[in-house]
Each structure stands twice: as structure tokens, then as C-alpha cells.
Amino acid sequence: MKKGFTLIELLIVMVIVGVLVTVSLPKYRASMERGRATEGINNVRAISDAVNAKYVMNENSYSLAGLTDSNGNVTGVDMTKSVNFSTPKMTLSSDSKVTVTTTRTGSYTLTATNQNGELISIECTGDSETCQNIGMEKNSSGKYVLPL
């Protein structure tokens, strides 16, 4: 009696492994992107906390002084190292509204809107499938936002 596996048995095992890999790979990629998106979300939240604290200290008025350089790039805020996203930029819309934006190259942009000393929303624009995969929900106006 011979010991070992037949060619048919080996082929069946290879097919089963191939099917399992094919099914699990998209879930793995989505999970990895959710992890990368956490970096961007954490950064815009940290910046929002800093700018809202400064809003209160400036007697209910936003100021970018000390928080951004001359190009609007955020500096002077303790945030995670930006590996997967562009340098966050801050834009002052009015004395009571400021936005923070960071982009995952070629895929999507995260925008945090702060108004009257409060983080109002974190919105995802760009690839709608990716925005859904990272945990954003489509609101009534058709925009993908992070539930706060």
C-alpha cells in the first residue's frame, strides 16, 4: 500500500484554498483601508479639538494664528504622523466657521467642519465605495458623513 496524496486530492485542496482566498481578499483590503482612514479621522479630530479650544480662548472667534503656516498647512497641533494622507489644511470661512481637510492620494478627502466651537461633521468626498467601507454613512443630502 502506498502512502501519500493523489493528484486529484491535491487539486481539490488547491481549488478550495483558491476559493477561500478569493472570498476573503476584498474583506481584507476593506479592513486595511479602514485602518488607514483612522489616521486621517484621528488627525482631523485632533486639529478640530485644538482649533475649538483656541476658539474658546479667543472669546468665541476662530483664528488660525499659531495653528497653520502661510499656505494653510496645519502646524503646531499634536497629531499622528501623516503617512497615508496629505498634510492637513485649515481654512477659515468666517469668525465662527473653520474647515480642516486631508486627502488620501487618488481616493478620497476627509473634511471636518467646526462651527461655533464645536465639531459639526466629518465628511468623505471622492470614491463613494471607499467612503462607505471606512464607516461613513450617506445622509439625506447624499453626502457621506461620519456619525458623531
N, C-alpha and C. Protein backbone atom coordinates (compact mmCIF):
# COMPACT_ATOMS: atom_id res chain seq x y z
N MET A 1 0.82 -1.17 0.00
CA MET A 1 0.00 0.00 0.00
C MET A 1 0.87 1.25 0.00
N LYS A 2 0.56 2.20 -0.89
CA LYS A 2 1.33 3.42 -0.99
C LYS A 2 0.79 4.48 -0.04
N LYS A 3 1.72 5.30 0.49
CA LYS A 3 1.32 6.39 1.36
C LYS A 3 1.45 7.69 0.59
N GLY A 4 0.58 8.67 0.90
CA GLY A 4 0.64 9.96 0.23
C GLY A 4 -0.71 10.35 -0.33
N PHE A 5 -0.69 11.50 -1.04
CA PHE A 5 -1.91 12.04 -1.61
C PHE A 5 -1.90 11.82 -3.12
N THR A 6 -3.10 11.67 -3.66
CA THR A 6 -3.20 11.55 -5.11
C THR A 6 -3.25 12.94 -5.72
N LEU A 7 -3.03 13.01 -7.01
CA LEU A 7 -3.07 14.28 -7.72
C LEU A 7 -4.45 14.93 -7.61
N ILE A 8 -5.50 14.16 -7.68
CA ILE A 8 -6.87 14.68 -7.58
C ILE A 8 -7.09 15.32 -6.20
N GLU A 9 -6.63 14.65 -5.15
CA GLU A 9 -6.80 15.20 -3.80
C GLU A 9 -6.06 16.54 -3.67
N LEU A 10 -4.85 16.64 -4.19
CA LEU A 10 -4.09 17.88 -4.14
C LEU A 10 -4.78 18.99 -4.93
N LEU A 11 -5.32 18.67 -6.10
CA LEU A 11 -6.03 19.67 -6.90
C LEU A 11 -7.28 20.18 -6.18
N ILE A 12 -8.00 19.28 -5.52
CA ILE A 12 -9.21 19.69 -4.79
C ILE A 12 -8.83 20.65 -3.66
N VAL A 13 -7.77 20.34 -2.93
CA VAL A 13 -7.32 21.22 -1.85
C VAL A 13 -6.90 22.57 -2.41
N MET A 14 -6.21 22.60 -3.54
CA MET A 14 -5.78 23.86 -4.14
C MET A 14 -6.99 24.70 -4.57
N VAL A 15 -8.01 24.06 -5.12
CA VAL A 15 -9.22 24.79 -5.53
C VAL A 15 -9.92 25.38 -4.31
N ILE A 16 -10.02 24.61 -3.24
CA ILE A 16 -10.66 25.10 -2.01
C ILE A 16 -9.90 26.30 -1.45
N VAL A 17 -8.57 26.20 -1.40
CA VAL A 17 -7.76 27.31 -0.90
C VAL A 17 -7.93 28.53 -1.80
N GLY A 18 -7.97 28.34 -3.11
CA GLY A 18 -8.17 29.44 -4.05
C GLY A 18 -9.49 30.13 -3.84
N VAL A 19 -10.54 29.39 -3.62
CA VAL A 19 -11.87 29.97 -3.38
C VAL A 19 -11.85 30.77 -2.07
N LEU A 20 -11.26 30.23 -1.03
CA LEU A 20 -11.19 30.94 0.26
C LEU A 20 -10.42 32.26 0.13
N VAL A 21 -9.32 32.26 -0.60
CA VAL A 21 -8.54 33.47 -0.80
C VAL A 21 -9.34 34.49 -1.60
N THR A 22 -10.03 34.05 -2.64
CA THR A 22 -10.83 34.93 -3.48
C THR A 22 -11.95 35.59 -2.68
N VAL A 23 -12.55 34.87 -1.77
CA VAL A 23 -13.65 35.40 -0.97
C VAL A 23 -13.12 36.36 0.10
N SER A 24 -11.99 36.06 0.70
CA SER A 24 -11.52 36.86 1.84
C SER A 24 -10.69 38.08 1.45
N LEU A 25 -10.11 38.13 0.27
CA LEU A 25 -9.24 39.24 -0.11
C LEU A 25 -9.95 40.61 -0.12
N PRO A 26 -11.15 40.74 -0.69
CA PRO A 26 -11.82 42.05 -0.64
C PRO A 26 -12.10 42.52 0.79
N LYS A 27 -12.47 41.61 1.67
CA LYS A 27 -12.70 41.97 3.07
C LYS A 27 -11.41 42.43 3.72
N TYR A 28 -10.32 41.78 3.40
CA TYR A 28 -9.01 42.15 3.94
C TYR A 28 -8.64 43.56 3.48
N ARG A 29 -8.81 43.84 2.21
CA ARG A 29 -8.48 45.17 1.68
C ARG A 29 -9.34 46.25 2.32
N ALA A 30 -10.63 46.00 2.48
CA ALA A 30 -11.52 46.97 3.11
C ALA A 30 -11.11 47.21 4.56
N SER A 31 -10.73 46.15 5.24
CA SER A 31 -10.28 46.27 6.62
C SER A 31 -9.00 47.10 6.72
N MET A 32 -8.08 46.89 5.81
CA MET A 32 -6.83 47.66 5.79
C MET A 32 -7.11 49.14 5.53
N GLU A 33 -8.04 49.44 4.62
CA GLU A 33 -8.37 50.84 4.32
C GLU A 33 -9.05 51.51 5.51
N ARG A 34 -9.89 50.76 6.25
CA ARG A 34 -10.50 51.32 7.45
C ARG A 34 -9.41 51.71 8.46
N GLY A 35 -8.39 50.88 8.56
CA GLY A 35 -7.27 51.19 9.45
C GLY A 35 -6.52 52.44 9.00
N ARG A 36 -6.30 52.57 7.71
CA ARG A 36 -5.62 53.77 7.18
C ARG A 36 -6.48 55.01 7.38
N ALA A 37 -7.79 54.86 7.19
CA ALA A 37 -8.69 56.00 7.33
C ALA A 37 -8.72 56.50 8.77
N THR A 38 -8.49 55.61 9.71
CA THR A 38 -8.45 56.01 11.12
C THR A 38 -7.40 57.08 11.34
N GLU A 39 -6.27 56.98 10.62
CA GLU A 39 -5.22 58.00 10.72
C GLU A 39 -5.76 59.38 10.34
N GLY A 40 -6.42 59.47 9.21
CA GLY A 40 -6.96 60.74 8.76
C GLY A 40 -8.05 61.27 9.67
N ILE A 41 -8.93 60.40 10.13
CA ILE A 41 -10.02 60.80 11.02
C ILE A 41 -9.46 61.29 12.35
N ASN A 42 -8.47 60.56 12.89
CA ASN A 42 -7.86 60.99 14.15
C ASN A 42 -7.18 62.34 14.01
N ASN A 43 -6.52 62.56 12.87
CA ASN A 43 -5.84 63.84 12.67
C ASN A 43 -6.83 65.00 12.58
N VAL A 44 -7.91 64.85 11.81
CA VAL A 44 -8.86 65.96 11.70
C VAL A 44 -9.59 66.19 13.02
N ARG A 45 -9.78 65.14 13.81
CA ARG A 45 -10.40 65.33 15.14
C ARG A 45 -9.44 66.06 16.08
N ALA A 46 -8.15 65.68 16.05
CA ALA A 46 -7.17 66.35 16.91
C ALA A 46 -7.07 67.83 16.55
N ILE A 47 -7.04 68.11 15.26
CA ILE A 47 -6.97 69.50 14.82
C ILE A 47 -8.24 70.25 15.22
N SER A 48 -9.39 69.60 15.07
CA SER A 48 -10.66 70.22 15.45
C SER A 48 -10.68 70.54 16.94
N ASP A 49 -10.17 69.62 17.76
CA ASP A 49 -10.12 69.88 19.20
C ASP A 49 -9.25 71.11 19.49
N ALA A 50 -8.09 71.18 18.83
CA ALA A 50 -7.17 72.30 19.05
C ALA A 50 -7.79 73.63 18.60
N VAL A 51 -8.41 73.63 17.42
CA VAL A 51 -8.97 74.88 16.90
C VAL A 51 -10.20 75.30 17.72
N ASN A 52 -10.96 74.34 18.22
CA ASN A 52 -12.12 74.68 19.04
C ASN A 52 -11.70 75.18 20.42
N ALA A 53 -10.61 74.66 20.96
CA ALA A 53 -10.07 75.17 22.23
C ALA A 53 -9.59 76.61 22.05
N LYS A 54 -8.94 76.85 20.90
CA LYS A 54 -8.47 78.20 20.62
C LYS A 54 -9.66 79.16 20.40
N TYR A 55 -10.74 78.64 19.84
CA TYR A 55 -11.96 79.44 19.64
C TYR A 55 -12.46 79.96 20.99
N VAL A 56 -12.49 79.08 21.99
CA VAL A 56 -12.97 79.48 23.31
C VAL A 56 -12.00 80.49 23.94
N MET A 57 -10.69 80.25 23.78
CA MET A 57 -9.69 81.16 24.36
C MET A 57 -9.72 82.53 23.68
N ASN A 58 -10.12 82.59 22.40
CA ASN A 58 -10.19 83.86 21.66
C ASN A 58 -11.56 84.52 21.79
N GLU A 59 -12.28 84.20 22.84
CA GLU A 59 -13.59 84.78 23.10
C GLU A 59 -14.55 84.59 21.93
N ASN A 60 -14.72 83.33 21.57
CA ASN A 60 -15.66 82.89 20.54
C ASN A 60 -15.37 83.46 19.16
N SER A 61 -14.10 83.33 18.76
CA SER A 61 -13.68 83.76 17.42
C SER A 61 -12.55 82.84 16.97
N TYR A 62 -12.70 82.28 15.77
CA TYR A 62 -11.65 81.40 15.24
C TYR A 62 -10.47 82.23 14.75
N SER A 63 -9.27 81.71 14.98
CA SER A 63 -8.05 82.31 14.49
C SER A 63 -7.09 81.19 14.12
N LEU A 64 -6.44 81.30 12.97
CA LEU A 64 -5.51 80.27 12.53
C LEU A 64 -4.09 80.57 12.97
N ALA A 65 -3.87 81.71 13.62
CA ALA A 65 -2.53 82.11 14.06
C ALA A 65 -1.97 81.06 15.02
N GLY A 66 -0.78 80.59 14.70
CA GLY A 66 -0.12 79.58 15.52
C GLY A 66 -0.52 78.16 15.20
N LEU A 67 -1.55 77.99 14.38
CA LEU A 67 -2.01 76.65 14.01
C LEU A 67 -1.66 76.27 12.58
N THR A 68 -1.42 77.27 11.72
CA THR A 68 -1.11 77.00 10.31
C THR A 68 0.08 77.82 9.85
N ASP A 69 0.69 77.35 8.76
CA ASP A 69 1.74 78.16 8.13
C ASP A 69 1.10 79.06 7.07
N SER A 70 1.90 79.74 6.29
CA SER A 70 1.37 80.70 5.31
C SER A 70 0.56 80.04 4.19
N ASN A 71 0.72 78.72 3.98
CA ASN A 71 -0.03 78.00 2.94
C ASN A 71 -1.29 77.34 3.46
N GLY A 72 -1.59 77.51 4.74
CA GLY A 72 -2.77 76.87 5.32
C GLY A 72 -2.51 75.48 5.84
N ASN A 73 -1.25 74.98 5.72
CA ASN A 73 -0.92 73.67 6.26
C ASN A 73 -0.91 73.73 7.78
N VAL A 74 -1.48 72.72 8.41
CA VAL A 74 -1.58 72.70 9.86
C VAL A 74 -0.20 72.41 10.47
N THR A 75 0.19 73.25 11.41
CA THR A 75 1.41 73.07 12.20
C THR A 75 1.06 73.37 13.65
N GLY A 76 1.85 72.93 14.55
CA GLY A 76 1.63 73.27 15.95
C GLY A 76 0.48 72.54 16.60
N VAL A 77 0.00 71.45 15.98
CA VAL A 77 -1.05 70.63 16.58
C VAL A 77 -0.50 69.22 16.72
N ASP A 78 -0.67 68.62 17.90
CA ASP A 78 -0.18 67.27 18.14
C ASP A 78 -1.12 66.27 17.47
N MET A 79 -0.64 65.66 16.38
CA MET A 79 -1.44 64.68 15.66
C MET A 79 -0.54 63.52 15.26
N THR A 80 -1.15 62.43 14.78
CA THR A 80 -0.36 61.28 14.36
C THR A 80 0.43 61.62 13.10
N LYS A 81 1.53 60.92 12.90
CA LYS A 81 2.35 61.15 11.71
C LYS A 81 1.51 60.83 10.48
N SER A 82 1.49 61.74 9.54
CA SER A 82 0.67 61.58 8.35
C SER A 82 1.41 60.73 7.32
N VAL A 83 1.07 59.45 7.25
CA VAL A 83 1.72 58.52 6.32
C VAL A 83 0.87 58.30 5.08
N ASN A 84 -0.42 58.11 5.28
CA ASN A 84 -1.32 57.76 4.20
C ASN A 84 -2.12 58.95 3.66
N PHE A 85 -2.00 60.11 4.30
CA PHE A 85 -2.78 61.27 3.92
C PHE A 85 -1.88 62.47 3.68
N SER A 86 -2.41 63.43 2.93
CA SER A 86 -1.68 64.68 2.71
C SER A 86 -1.65 65.48 4.01
N THR A 87 -0.78 66.48 4.05
CA THR A 87 -0.72 67.36 5.21
C THR A 87 -2.07 68.06 5.35
N PRO A 88 -2.67 67.99 6.53
CA PRO A 88 -3.98 68.66 6.71
C PRO A 88 -3.89 70.15 6.48
N LYS A 89 -4.93 70.69 5.86
CA LYS A 89 -5.03 72.13 5.60
C LYS A 89 -6.26 72.66 6.34
N MET A 90 -6.13 73.89 6.84
CA MET A 90 -7.22 74.52 7.55
C MET A 90 -7.64 75.78 6.82
N THR A 91 -8.96 75.98 6.68
CA THR A 91 -9.50 77.15 6.01
C THR A 91 -10.50 77.84 6.92
N LEU A 92 -10.33 79.13 7.08
CA LEU A 92 -11.24 79.93 7.90
C LEU A 92 -12.32 80.51 7.00
N SER A 93 -13.57 80.07 7.20
CA SER A 93 -14.69 80.57 6.40
C SER A 93 -15.24 81.87 6.97
N SER A 94 -15.30 81.94 8.29
CA SER A 94 -15.78 83.15 8.97
C SER A 94 -15.25 83.11 10.40
N ASP A 95 -15.63 84.10 11.20
CA ASP A 95 -15.20 84.11 12.60
C ASP A 95 -15.78 82.93 13.37
N SER A 96 -16.83 82.31 12.83
CA SER A 96 -17.48 81.24 13.56
C SER A 96 -17.44 79.90 12.83
N LYS A 97 -16.67 79.79 11.72
CA LYS A 97 -16.64 78.53 10.98
C LYS A 97 -15.25 78.28 10.38
N VAL A 98 -14.74 77.07 10.57
CA VAL A 98 -13.45 76.67 10.02
C VAL A 98 -13.54 75.23 9.54
N THR A 99 -12.83 74.91 8.44
CA THR A 99 -12.80 73.54 7.94
C THR A 99 -11.37 73.03 7.92
N VAL A 100 -11.23 71.72 8.16
CA VAL A 100 -9.94 71.03 8.12
C VAL A 100 -10.06 69.94 7.07
N THR A 101 -9.10 69.89 6.13
CA THR A 101 -9.17 68.94 5.01
C THR A 101 -7.86 68.16 4.90
N THR A 102 -7.99 66.85 4.67
CA THR A 102 -6.84 66.00 4.38
C THR A 102 -7.27 64.99 3.31
N THR A 103 -6.34 64.60 2.44
CA THR A 103 -6.68 63.76 1.29
C THR A 103 -5.86 62.48 1.28
N ARG A 104 -6.54 61.36 1.03
CA ARG A 104 -5.87 60.09 0.77
C ARG A 104 -5.63 60.10 -0.73
N THR A 105 -4.38 60.13 -1.14
CA THR A 105 -4.00 60.35 -2.53
C THR A 105 -4.78 59.47 -3.49
N GLY A 106 -5.46 60.13 -4.44
CA GLY A 106 -6.17 59.44 -5.50
C GLY A 106 -7.42 58.71 -5.10
N SER A 107 -7.88 58.86 -3.86
CA SER A 107 -9.02 58.07 -3.43
C SER A 107 -10.15 58.92 -2.85
N TYR A 108 -9.91 59.57 -1.72
CA TYR A 108 -10.98 60.34 -1.09
C TYR A 108 -10.39 61.44 -0.21
N THR A 109 -11.26 62.37 0.17
CA THR A 109 -10.87 63.50 1.01
C THR A 109 -11.75 63.53 2.25
N LEU A 110 -11.14 63.76 3.40
CA LEU A 110 -11.87 63.92 4.65
C LEU A 110 -11.90 65.40 5.01
N THR A 111 -13.09 65.91 5.31
CA THR A 111 -13.25 67.32 5.67
C THR A 111 -14.02 67.42 6.98
N ALA A 112 -13.40 68.05 7.97
CA ALA A 112 -14.06 68.29 9.26
C ALA A 112 -14.53 69.74 9.27
N THR A 113 -15.77 69.95 9.65
CA THR A 113 -16.33 71.29 9.74
C THR A 113 -16.58 71.63 11.21
N ASN A 114 -16.02 72.75 11.63
CA ASN A 114 -16.18 73.24 13.00
C ASN A 114 -16.92 74.56 12.95
N GLN A 115 -17.92 74.68 13.81
CA GLN A 115 -18.68 75.93 13.84
C GLN A 115 -19.04 76.25 15.29
N ASN A 116 -18.81 77.51 15.65
CA ASN A 116 -19.13 78.00 17.00
C ASN A 116 -18.50 77.14 18.09
N GLY A 117 -17.25 76.71 17.89
CA GLY A 117 -16.52 75.96 18.90
C GLY A 117 -16.88 74.50 19.01
N GLU A 118 -17.53 73.96 17.99
CA GLU A 118 -17.97 72.57 18.04
C GLU A 118 -17.70 71.88 16.70
N LEU A 119 -17.27 70.61 16.76
CA LEU A 119 -17.10 69.80 15.56
C LEU A 119 -18.48 69.39 15.08
N ILE A 120 -18.87 69.87 13.90
CA ILE A 120 -20.21 69.60 13.38
C ILE A 120 -20.25 68.30 12.58
N SER A 121 -19.26 68.11 11.69
CA SER A 121 -19.30 66.90 10.86
C SER A 121 -17.91 66.58 10.33
N ILE A 122 -17.74 65.29 9.99
CA ILE A 122 -16.58 64.83 9.23
C ILE A 122 -17.16 64.18 7.98
N GLU A 123 -16.83 64.76 6.84
CA GLU A 123 -17.41 64.33 5.56
C GLU A 123 -16.35 63.67 4.69
N CYS A 124 -16.77 62.69 3.91
CA CYS A 124 -15.89 62.00 2.97
C CYS A 124 -16.38 62.30 1.55
N THR A 125 -15.47 62.78 0.70
CA THR A 125 -15.81 63.00 -0.70
C THR A 125 -14.81 62.26 -1.56
N GLY A 126 -15.25 61.85 -2.73
CA GLY A 126 -14.38 61.09 -3.63
C GLY A 126 -15.02 59.76 -3.95
N ASP A 127 -14.26 58.69 -3.82
CA ASP A 127 -14.72 57.34 -4.14
C ASP A 127 -15.81 56.90 -3.15
N SER A 128 -17.06 56.83 -3.60
CA SER A 128 -18.18 56.54 -2.71
C SER A 128 -18.09 55.15 -2.08
N GLU A 129 -17.59 54.18 -2.82
CA GLU A 129 -17.47 52.83 -2.27
C GLU A 129 -16.48 52.81 -1.11
N THR A 130 -15.37 53.50 -1.27
CA THR A 130 -14.38 53.56 -0.20
C THR A 130 -14.93 54.32 0.99
N CYS A 131 -15.65 55.41 0.74
CA CYS A 131 -16.26 56.18 1.84
C CYS A 131 -17.19 55.29 2.66
N GLN A 132 -17.96 54.44 2.01
CA GLN A 132 -18.83 53.51 2.73
C GLN A 132 -18.01 52.49 3.50
N ASN A 133 -16.96 51.97 2.87
CA ASN A 133 -16.14 50.93 3.50
C ASN A 133 -15.42 51.42 4.75
N ILE A 134 -15.12 52.71 4.84
CA ILE A 134 -14.41 53.21 6.02
C ILE A 134 -15.36 53.64 7.14
N GLY A 135 -16.66 53.42 6.96
CA GLY A 135 -17.61 53.66 8.03
C GLY A 135 -18.44 54.91 7.89
N MET A 136 -18.40 55.55 6.74
CA MET A 136 -19.21 56.74 6.53
C MET A 136 -20.63 56.33 6.15
N GLU A 137 -21.58 57.14 6.56
CA GLU A 137 -22.98 56.88 6.23
C GLU A 137 -23.50 57.97 5.31
N LYS A 138 -24.33 57.58 4.35
CA LYS A 138 -24.91 58.55 3.42
C LYS A 138 -26.07 59.25 4.11
N ASN A 139 -26.00 60.59 4.15
CA ASN A 139 -27.08 61.34 4.81
C ASN A 139 -28.17 61.71 3.81
N SER A 140 -29.16 62.45 4.27
CA SER A 140 -30.31 62.79 3.42
C SER A 140 -29.94 63.65 2.23
N SER A 141 -28.83 64.40 2.31
CA SER A 141 -28.41 65.23 1.17
C SER A 141 -27.46 64.49 0.24
N GLY A 142 -27.23 63.19 0.48
CA GLY A 142 -26.41 62.39 -0.40
C GLY A 142 -24.92 62.44 -0.12
N LYS A 143 -24.51 63.06 0.99
CA LYS A 143 -23.11 63.16 1.34
C LYS A 143 -22.76 62.05 2.32
N TYR A 144 -21.51 61.60 2.27
CA TYR A 144 -21.04 60.57 3.19
C TYR A 144 -20.43 61.25 4.41
N VAL A 145 -21.01 61.01 5.58
CA VAL A 145 -20.54 61.64 6.82
C VAL A 145 -20.29 60.58 7.88
N LEU A 146 -19.41 60.92 8.80
CA LEU A 146 -19.12 60.04 9.93
C LEU A 146 -20.10 60.36 11.03
N PRO A 147 -20.81 59.36 11.54
CA PRO A 147 -21.74 59.65 12.65
C PRO A 147 -20.96 60.11 13.88
N LEU A 148 -21.32 61.25 14.42
CA LEU A 148 -20.62 61.79 15.59
C LEU A 148 -21.39 61.52 16.86
